[in-house]
N, C-alpha and C. Protein backbone atom coordinates (compact mmCIF):
# COMPACT_ATOMS: atom_id res chain seq x y z
N MET A 1 16.77 29.81 16.98
CA MET A 1 17.27 28.97 18.05
C MET A 1 18.80 29.05 18.09
N ARG A 2 19.42 29.01 16.92
CA ARG A 2 20.88 29.08 16.89
C ARG A 2 21.38 30.41 17.47
N ALA A 3 20.70 31.51 17.16
CA ALA A 3 21.09 32.82 17.69
C ALA A 3 20.98 32.82 19.22
N GLU A 4 19.93 32.23 19.74
CA GLU A 4 19.78 32.15 21.19
C GLU A 4 20.92 31.34 21.81
N ILE A 5 21.22 30.21 21.22
CA ILE A 5 22.28 29.34 21.75
C ILE A 5 23.63 30.06 21.69
N ASP A 6 23.92 30.72 20.57
CA ASP A 6 25.20 31.44 20.44
C ASP A 6 25.29 32.58 21.47
N ALA A 7 24.17 33.22 21.78
CA ALA A 7 24.17 34.31 22.76
C ALA A 7 24.36 33.78 24.18
N VAL A 8 23.74 32.65 24.48
CA VAL A 8 23.81 32.07 25.83
C VAL A 8 25.18 31.45 26.08
N VAL A 9 25.71 30.76 25.08
CA VAL A 9 26.99 30.06 25.24
C VAL A 9 27.89 30.46 24.07
N PRO A 10 28.53 31.63 24.15
CA PRO A 10 29.35 32.09 23.03
C PRO A 10 30.60 31.25 22.79
N SER A 11 31.07 30.53 23.82
CA SER A 11 32.23 29.65 23.64
C SER A 11 32.15 28.52 24.66
N GLY A 12 32.92 27.49 24.41
CA GLY A 12 32.93 26.34 25.32
C GLY A 12 31.73 25.44 25.11
N ASP A 13 31.57 24.50 26.01
CA ASP A 13 30.48 23.54 25.91
C ASP A 13 29.21 24.06 26.58
N VAL A 14 28.09 23.63 26.06
CA VAL A 14 26.80 23.94 26.68
C VAL A 14 26.71 23.10 27.95
N SER A 15 26.22 23.71 29.02
CA SER A 15 26.10 22.98 30.28
C SER A 15 24.66 23.05 30.80
N ALA A 16 24.37 22.24 31.78
CA ALA A 16 23.05 22.21 32.39
C ALA A 16 22.66 23.57 32.96
N GLU A 17 23.64 24.35 33.40
CA GLU A 17 23.37 25.68 33.97
C GLU A 17 22.82 26.64 32.91
N ASP A 18 23.02 26.34 31.65
CA ASP A 18 22.56 27.22 30.57
C ASP A 18 21.10 26.98 30.19
N ILE A 19 20.49 25.93 30.70
CA ILE A 19 19.14 25.53 30.28
C ILE A 19 18.09 26.63 30.50
N ASP A 20 18.07 27.25 31.66
CA ASP A 20 17.05 28.27 31.95
C ASP A 20 17.13 29.47 31.01
N LYS A 21 18.29 29.70 30.42
CA LYS A 21 18.48 30.83 29.51
C LYS A 21 18.12 30.48 28.07
N GLN A 22 17.82 29.22 27.81
CA GLN A 22 17.53 28.75 26.45
C GLN A 22 16.03 28.52 26.30
N ARG A 23 15.26 29.58 26.39
CA ARG A 23 13.81 29.47 26.34
C ARG A 23 13.31 28.93 25.00
N LEU A 24 13.83 29.47 23.90
CA LEU A 24 13.37 29.02 22.59
C LEU A 24 13.82 27.60 22.30
N THR A 25 15.04 27.25 22.67
CA THR A 25 15.54 25.89 22.45
C THR A 25 14.66 24.89 23.19
N ARG A 26 14.33 25.21 24.43
CA ARG A 26 13.44 24.36 25.22
C ARG A 26 12.05 24.28 24.57
N ALA A 27 11.55 25.43 24.08
CA ALA A 27 10.24 25.46 23.43
C ALA A 27 10.21 24.61 22.16
N VAL A 28 11.31 24.63 21.40
CA VAL A 28 11.40 23.80 20.19
C VAL A 28 11.30 22.32 20.57
N PHE A 29 11.99 21.93 21.63
CA PHE A 29 11.92 20.54 22.07
C PHE A 29 10.49 20.18 22.53
N TYR A 30 9.88 21.04 23.31
CA TYR A 30 8.50 20.78 23.77
C TYR A 30 7.54 20.64 22.59
N GLU A 31 7.68 21.51 21.60
CA GLU A 31 6.78 21.44 20.45
C GLU A 31 7.02 20.17 19.64
N ALA A 32 8.27 19.76 19.49
CA ALA A 32 8.56 18.50 18.80
C ALA A 32 7.93 17.32 19.55
N MET A 33 7.98 17.37 20.88
CA MET A 33 7.38 16.30 21.69
C MET A 33 5.85 16.34 21.61
N ARG A 34 5.29 17.52 21.39
CA ARG A 34 3.83 17.61 21.21
C ARG A 34 3.43 16.95 19.89
N LEU A 35 4.12 17.29 18.82
CA LEU A 35 3.77 16.75 17.52
C LEU A 35 4.13 15.28 17.36
N TYR A 36 5.22 14.87 17.99
CA TYR A 36 5.69 13.48 17.84
C TYR A 36 6.01 12.89 19.21
N PRO A 37 4.99 12.67 20.03
CA PRO A 37 5.26 12.11 21.37
C PRO A 37 5.86 10.71 21.26
N PRO A 38 6.87 10.42 22.05
CA PRO A 38 7.51 9.10 21.95
C PRO A 38 6.53 7.96 22.22
N ALA A 39 5.63 8.16 23.17
CA ALA A 39 4.59 7.16 23.45
C ALA A 39 3.28 7.74 22.92
N PRO A 40 2.77 7.22 21.79
CA PRO A 40 1.58 7.81 21.18
C PRO A 40 0.30 7.58 21.97
N GLN A 41 0.34 6.65 22.90
CA GLN A 41 -0.82 6.39 23.75
C GLN A 41 -0.36 5.85 25.10
N MET A 42 -1.25 5.99 26.07
CA MET A 42 -0.96 5.48 27.41
C MET A 42 -2.15 4.61 27.80
N VAL A 43 -1.86 3.44 28.35
CA VAL A 43 -2.91 2.52 28.78
C VAL A 43 -2.85 2.42 30.30
N CYS A 44 -3.99 2.64 30.93
CA CYS A 44 -4.06 2.63 32.40
C CYS A 44 -5.19 1.72 32.86
N ASP A 45 -4.99 1.07 33.99
CA ASP A 45 -6.04 0.30 34.64
C ASP A 45 -6.58 1.13 35.79
N CYS A 46 -7.90 1.29 35.85
CA CYS A 46 -8.52 2.09 36.90
C CYS A 46 -8.45 1.34 38.23
N VAL A 47 -7.97 2.02 39.25
CA VAL A 47 -7.83 1.40 40.57
C VAL A 47 -9.01 1.72 41.48
N ALA A 48 -9.89 2.62 41.02
CA ALA A 48 -11.09 2.97 41.80
C ALA A 48 -12.14 3.51 40.84
N ASP A 49 -13.40 3.44 41.25
CA ASP A 49 -14.46 4.05 40.47
C ASP A 49 -14.22 5.55 40.40
N ALA A 50 -14.53 6.17 39.26
CA ALA A 50 -14.32 7.60 39.11
C ALA A 50 -15.27 8.16 38.06
N ASN A 51 -15.40 9.46 38.07
CA ASN A 51 -16.15 10.16 37.04
C ASN A 51 -15.14 11.07 36.35
N VAL A 52 -14.92 10.82 35.07
CA VAL A 52 -13.95 11.59 34.30
C VAL A 52 -14.70 12.34 33.21
N ALA A 53 -14.77 13.66 33.37
CA ALA A 53 -15.46 14.52 32.39
C ALA A 53 -16.88 14.03 32.11
N GLY A 54 -17.57 13.61 33.17
CA GLY A 54 -18.96 13.17 33.03
C GLY A 54 -19.12 11.72 32.61
N ILE A 55 -18.03 11.00 32.49
CA ILE A 55 -18.07 9.58 32.09
C ILE A 55 -17.74 8.73 33.31
N GLU A 56 -18.62 7.78 33.61
CA GLU A 56 -18.37 6.89 34.74
C GLU A 56 -17.33 5.84 34.34
N VAL A 57 -16.28 5.75 35.14
CA VAL A 57 -15.21 4.78 34.92
C VAL A 57 -15.18 3.87 36.14
N LYS A 58 -15.25 2.58 35.89
CA LYS A 58 -15.32 1.62 36.99
C LYS A 58 -13.96 1.00 37.28
N LYS A 59 -13.75 0.67 38.53
CA LYS A 59 -12.52 0.01 38.97
C LYS A 59 -12.30 -1.25 38.12
N GLY A 60 -11.06 -1.44 37.67
CA GLY A 60 -10.71 -2.60 36.86
C GLY A 60 -10.80 -2.36 35.36
N MET A 61 -11.45 -1.27 34.95
CA MET A 61 -11.52 -0.97 33.52
C MET A 61 -10.14 -0.55 33.01
N THR A 62 -9.88 -0.84 31.76
CA THR A 62 -8.65 -0.39 31.11
C THR A 62 -9.00 0.79 30.22
N ILE A 63 -8.26 1.87 30.40
CA ILE A 63 -8.50 3.11 29.66
C ILE A 63 -7.28 3.39 28.77
N THR A 64 -7.53 3.76 27.54
CA THR A 64 -6.45 4.18 26.64
C THR A 64 -6.55 5.68 26.45
N ILE A 65 -5.44 6.36 26.69
CA ILE A 65 -5.37 7.81 26.48
C ILE A 65 -4.58 8.03 25.19
N PRO A 66 -5.24 8.52 24.14
CA PRO A 66 -4.57 8.69 22.84
C PRO A 66 -3.75 9.99 22.81
N ILE A 67 -2.53 9.92 23.31
CA ILE A 67 -1.69 11.10 23.45
C ILE A 67 -1.47 11.80 22.10
N TYR A 68 -1.19 11.05 21.07
CA TYR A 68 -0.95 11.64 19.75
C TYR A 68 -2.17 12.45 19.31
N ALA A 69 -3.35 11.89 19.45
CA ALA A 69 -4.58 12.59 19.06
C ALA A 69 -4.85 13.78 19.98
N LEU A 70 -4.61 13.63 21.25
CA LEU A 70 -4.80 14.71 22.22
C LEU A 70 -3.91 15.90 21.88
N HIS A 71 -2.68 15.63 21.49
CA HIS A 71 -1.72 16.69 21.16
C HIS A 71 -2.06 17.40 19.85
N ARG A 72 -2.97 16.85 19.07
CA ARG A 72 -3.36 17.47 17.80
C ARG A 72 -4.84 17.83 17.76
N ASN A 73 -5.46 17.87 18.92
CA ASN A 73 -6.88 18.15 19.01
C ASN A 73 -7.12 19.66 18.80
N PRO A 74 -7.90 20.05 17.77
CA PRO A 74 -8.13 21.47 17.50
C PRO A 74 -8.93 22.18 18.60
N ASN A 75 -9.58 21.43 19.48
CA ASN A 75 -10.27 22.06 20.61
C ASN A 75 -9.29 22.57 21.66
N PHE A 76 -8.07 22.03 21.65
CA PHE A 76 -7.06 22.40 22.64
C PHE A 76 -5.91 23.21 22.06
N TRP A 77 -5.66 23.05 20.76
CA TRP A 77 -4.46 23.64 20.15
C TRP A 77 -4.83 24.47 18.93
N ASP A 78 -4.34 25.70 18.88
CA ASP A 78 -4.48 26.53 17.70
C ASP A 78 -3.52 25.97 16.64
N GLN A 79 -3.99 25.78 15.44
CA GLN A 79 -3.20 25.17 14.36
C GLN A 79 -2.50 23.90 14.88
N PRO A 80 -3.26 22.88 15.23
CA PRO A 80 -2.71 21.71 15.92
C PRO A 80 -1.66 20.92 15.16
N ASN A 81 -1.64 20.99 13.83
CA ASN A 81 -0.64 20.23 13.07
C ASN A 81 0.57 21.06 12.67
N ALA A 82 0.57 22.33 13.07
CA ALA A 82 1.69 23.23 12.73
C ALA A 82 2.75 23.20 13.83
N PHE A 83 3.99 23.42 13.42
CA PHE A 83 5.12 23.49 14.34
C PHE A 83 5.25 24.95 14.79
N ILE A 84 4.79 25.23 16.03
CA ILE A 84 4.78 26.59 16.56
C ILE A 84 5.39 26.57 17.97
N PRO A 85 6.71 26.59 18.07
CA PRO A 85 7.36 26.53 19.38
C PRO A 85 6.98 27.65 20.33
N LYS A 86 6.58 28.82 19.82
CA LYS A 86 6.29 29.96 20.70
C LYS A 86 5.18 29.65 21.71
N ARG A 87 4.34 28.66 21.43
CA ARG A 87 3.29 28.33 22.39
C ARG A 87 3.86 27.81 23.72
N PHE A 88 5.15 27.47 23.72
CA PHE A 88 5.80 26.95 24.93
C PHE A 88 6.79 27.93 25.56
N LEU A 89 6.81 29.18 25.12
CA LEU A 89 7.81 30.12 25.63
C LEU A 89 7.63 30.46 27.11
N ASP A 90 6.41 30.42 27.62
CA ASP A 90 6.20 30.67 29.04
C ASP A 90 5.68 29.38 29.67
N PRO A 91 6.59 28.55 30.22
CA PRO A 91 6.18 27.24 30.72
C PRO A 91 5.14 27.28 31.84
N GLU A 92 5.17 28.32 32.71
CA GLU A 92 4.19 28.36 33.80
C GLU A 92 2.78 28.60 33.27
N ILE A 93 2.64 29.56 32.37
CA ILE A 93 1.32 29.82 31.78
C ILE A 93 0.87 28.60 30.99
N PHE A 94 1.78 28.03 30.21
CA PHE A 94 1.42 26.87 29.41
C PHE A 94 0.92 25.73 30.31
N ALA A 95 1.64 25.43 31.38
CA ALA A 95 1.27 24.32 32.27
C ALA A 95 -0.11 24.53 32.88
N LYS A 96 -0.43 25.76 33.28
CA LYS A 96 -1.74 26.03 33.87
C LYS A 96 -2.86 25.87 32.86
N GLN A 97 -2.62 26.26 31.62
CA GLN A 97 -3.66 26.20 30.59
C GLN A 97 -3.82 24.80 29.99
N ASN A 98 -2.81 23.99 30.08
CA ASN A 98 -2.81 22.73 29.33
C ASN A 98 -2.61 21.48 30.18
N ARG A 99 -2.96 21.53 31.44
CA ARG A 99 -2.82 20.35 32.29
C ARG A 99 -3.61 19.19 31.69
N PHE A 100 -2.96 18.10 31.48
CA PHE A 100 -3.52 16.87 30.91
C PHE A 100 -3.95 17.02 29.46
N ARG A 101 -3.46 18.04 28.77
CA ARG A 101 -3.64 18.16 27.33
C ARG A 101 -2.30 17.92 26.62
N TYR A 102 -1.24 17.96 27.40
CA TYR A 102 0.12 17.79 26.89
C TYR A 102 0.78 16.71 27.75
N LEU A 103 0.96 15.53 27.16
CA LEU A 103 1.41 14.38 27.96
C LEU A 103 2.56 13.59 27.34
N PRO A 104 3.61 14.24 26.81
CA PRO A 104 4.70 13.43 26.24
C PRO A 104 5.43 12.60 27.28
N PHE A 105 5.31 13.00 28.55
CA PHE A 105 5.94 12.26 29.65
C PHE A 105 4.89 11.56 30.51
N GLY A 106 3.69 11.40 29.99
CA GLY A 106 2.60 10.82 30.79
C GLY A 106 2.02 11.90 31.68
N GLY A 107 1.26 11.48 32.69
CA GLY A 107 0.65 12.46 33.59
C GLY A 107 0.14 11.80 34.84
N GLY A 108 -0.16 12.62 35.82
CA GLY A 108 -0.70 12.12 37.08
C GLY A 108 0.27 11.18 37.76
N ALA A 109 -0.27 10.10 38.30
CA ALA A 109 0.55 9.13 39.03
C ALA A 109 1.52 8.39 38.12
N ARG A 110 1.28 8.43 36.81
CA ARG A 110 2.14 7.70 35.87
C ARG A 110 3.10 8.61 35.10
N VAL A 111 3.31 9.82 35.59
CA VAL A 111 4.22 10.74 34.91
C VAL A 111 5.65 10.18 35.00
N CYS A 112 6.43 10.43 33.98
CA CYS A 112 7.82 9.96 33.94
C CYS A 112 8.62 10.64 35.06
N LEU A 113 9.19 9.84 35.92
CA LEU A 113 9.94 10.38 37.05
C LEU A 113 11.25 11.04 36.62
N ARG A 114 11.72 10.74 35.43
CA ARG A 114 12.97 11.29 34.93
C ARG A 114 12.76 12.50 34.01
N GLN A 115 11.55 13.06 33.99
CA GLN A 115 11.22 14.16 33.09
C GLN A 115 12.19 15.33 33.23
N ALA A 116 12.46 15.77 34.44
CA ALA A 116 13.36 16.92 34.63
C ALA A 116 14.76 16.61 34.11
N PHE A 117 15.25 15.40 34.37
CA PHE A 117 16.57 14.99 33.88
C PHE A 117 16.59 14.97 32.36
N VAL A 118 15.54 14.42 31.75
CA VAL A 118 15.46 14.35 30.30
C VAL A 118 15.50 15.76 29.70
N MET A 119 14.77 16.69 30.29
CA MET A 119 14.75 18.06 29.77
C MET A 119 16.15 18.67 29.78
N VAL A 120 16.85 18.53 30.89
CA VAL A 120 18.21 19.09 30.98
C VAL A 120 19.12 18.41 29.97
N GLU A 121 19.06 17.09 29.91
CA GLU A 121 19.93 16.34 29.02
C GLU A 121 19.65 16.64 27.54
N VAL A 122 18.40 16.60 27.14
CA VAL A 122 18.07 16.79 25.73
C VAL A 122 18.33 18.23 25.28
N VAL A 123 17.91 19.21 26.07
CA VAL A 123 18.14 20.60 25.66
C VAL A 123 19.63 20.90 25.60
N THR A 124 20.40 20.36 26.53
CA THR A 124 21.86 20.54 26.51
C THR A 124 22.45 19.92 25.24
N MET A 125 22.06 18.70 24.92
CA MET A 125 22.57 18.03 23.72
C MET A 125 22.12 18.74 22.45
N LEU A 126 20.84 19.14 22.39
CA LEU A 126 20.32 19.84 21.22
C LEU A 126 21.10 21.14 21.00
N ALA A 127 21.31 21.89 22.06
CA ALA A 127 22.05 23.14 21.95
C ALA A 127 23.49 22.89 21.47
N GLN A 128 24.14 21.88 22.01
CA GLN A 128 25.51 21.58 21.61
C GLN A 128 25.58 21.16 20.13
N ILE A 129 24.64 20.37 19.69
CA ILE A 129 24.60 19.94 18.29
C ILE A 129 24.36 21.13 17.37
N VAL A 130 23.36 21.96 17.71
CA VAL A 130 23.01 23.10 16.85
C VAL A 130 24.14 24.12 16.78
N ARG A 131 24.86 24.32 17.87
CA ARG A 131 25.95 25.32 17.82
C ARG A 131 27.20 24.76 17.13
N THR A 132 27.30 23.47 16.97
CA THR A 132 28.47 22.85 16.37
C THR A 132 28.28 22.53 14.89
N PHE A 133 27.05 22.17 14.50
CA PHE A 133 26.81 21.67 13.13
C PHE A 133 25.71 22.43 12.41
N THR A 134 25.78 22.38 11.08
CA THR A 134 24.65 22.73 10.22
C THR A 134 24.04 21.40 9.83
N ILE A 135 22.73 21.31 9.92
CA ILE A 135 22.05 20.02 9.71
C ILE A 135 21.09 20.15 8.54
N LYS A 136 21.17 19.20 7.62
CA LYS A 136 20.25 19.16 6.48
C LYS A 136 19.56 17.80 6.46
N ASP A 137 18.29 17.83 6.09
CA ASP A 137 17.52 16.59 5.96
C ASP A 137 18.00 15.85 4.71
N ALA A 138 18.38 14.60 4.88
CA ALA A 138 18.83 13.78 3.75
C ALA A 138 17.90 12.59 3.53
N THR A 139 16.72 12.65 4.15
CA THR A 139 15.73 11.58 3.99
C THR A 139 15.12 11.69 2.60
N GLU A 140 14.97 10.57 1.93
CA GLU A 140 14.35 10.58 0.61
C GLU A 140 12.85 10.40 0.75
N GLY A 141 12.08 11.28 0.12
CA GLY A 141 10.62 11.18 0.14
C GLY A 141 10.01 11.65 1.45
N GLU A 142 8.72 11.46 1.55
CA GLU A 142 7.97 11.83 2.75
C GLU A 142 8.34 10.92 3.91
N ILE A 143 8.37 11.49 5.09
CA ILE A 143 8.60 10.69 6.29
C ILE A 143 7.26 10.14 6.75
N GLU A 144 7.19 8.83 6.88
CA GLU A 144 5.99 8.18 7.40
C GLU A 144 6.30 7.69 8.80
N PHE A 145 5.29 7.71 9.65
CA PHE A 145 5.48 7.26 11.02
C PHE A 145 4.69 5.98 11.27
N GLU A 146 5.21 5.18 12.17
CA GLU A 146 4.54 3.96 12.59
C GLU A 146 4.59 3.87 14.11
N THR A 147 3.66 3.13 14.64
CA THR A 147 3.63 3.00 16.09
C THR A 147 3.83 1.55 16.49
N GLY A 148 4.28 1.40 17.66
CA GLY A 148 4.44 0.13 18.36
C GLY A 148 4.42 0.57 19.81
N ALA A 149 5.44 0.21 20.54
CA ALA A 149 5.56 0.73 21.90
C ALA A 149 5.90 2.22 21.85
N ALA A 150 6.48 2.66 20.72
CA ALA A 150 6.86 4.07 20.57
C ALA A 150 6.53 4.55 19.17
N LEU A 151 6.40 5.85 19.00
CA LEU A 151 6.21 6.45 17.69
C LEU A 151 7.60 6.56 17.05
N ARG A 152 7.72 6.13 15.81
CA ARG A 152 9.02 6.19 15.15
C ARG A 152 8.84 6.39 13.65
N ALA A 153 9.88 6.90 13.02
CA ALA A 153 9.86 7.11 11.58
C ALA A 153 10.07 5.78 10.88
N LYS A 154 9.14 5.43 10.02
CA LYS A 154 9.25 4.19 9.25
C LYS A 154 10.44 4.33 8.29
N GLY A 155 11.39 3.44 8.38
CA GLY A 155 12.57 3.50 7.53
C GLY A 155 13.64 4.46 8.01
N GLY A 156 13.36 5.20 9.08
CA GLY A 156 14.36 6.09 9.67
C GLY A 156 14.34 7.50 9.10
N ILE A 157 15.08 8.36 9.75
CA ILE A 157 15.28 9.74 9.30
C ILE A 157 16.77 9.90 9.10
N PHE A 158 17.16 10.47 7.95
CA PHE A 158 18.57 10.61 7.64
C PHE A 158 18.94 12.08 7.59
N LEU A 159 19.97 12.44 8.32
CA LEU A 159 20.42 13.82 8.41
C LEU A 159 21.88 13.91 7.98
N LYS A 160 22.22 15.05 7.37
CA LYS A 160 23.60 15.30 6.97
C LYS A 160 24.13 16.42 7.85
N PHE A 161 25.21 16.13 8.57
CA PHE A 161 25.83 17.11 9.47
C PHE A 161 27.10 17.64 8.85
N SER A 162 27.26 18.96 8.90
CA SER A 162 28.52 19.56 8.47
C SER A 162 28.95 20.56 9.55
N GLN A 163 30.25 20.64 9.76
CA GLN A 163 30.82 21.54 10.78
C GLN A 163 30.46 22.99 10.44
N ARG A 164 30.06 23.76 11.43
CA ARG A 164 29.77 25.18 11.23
C ARG A 164 31.04 25.96 11.07
């Protein structure tokens, strides 16, 4: 990822215009969002009767979509618990194959309206951080996660940054 960033932006600041050229950096972010989606589940109220994958869903029912479990389902993902960014290198192919299997921003009518902005902002910041610093994990022990409204590291994650 660092080699890609250095090749795309050899000097100066990373900008939004550089995003399309940072395929691996974007893929790393997508894979991190697959493994650790900020919202581990989505709760929806059905507004009409429907049949979803052979299951009758009635108007007024509340449905929980377990995003964390969906993102690690071995029926949908090869090596579901492994960090493999290359699965996201071709976003068009990925999107066609994985519609409603990858939902870090929600989906359908409830998809995050700021998704495109978030992608530009996060990939730009990630690239700027990676090209500026060497980062080492300074967390003691195993990282445990807990859920509430969002998935988060219990006790936090500690990183040590040093200038490159």
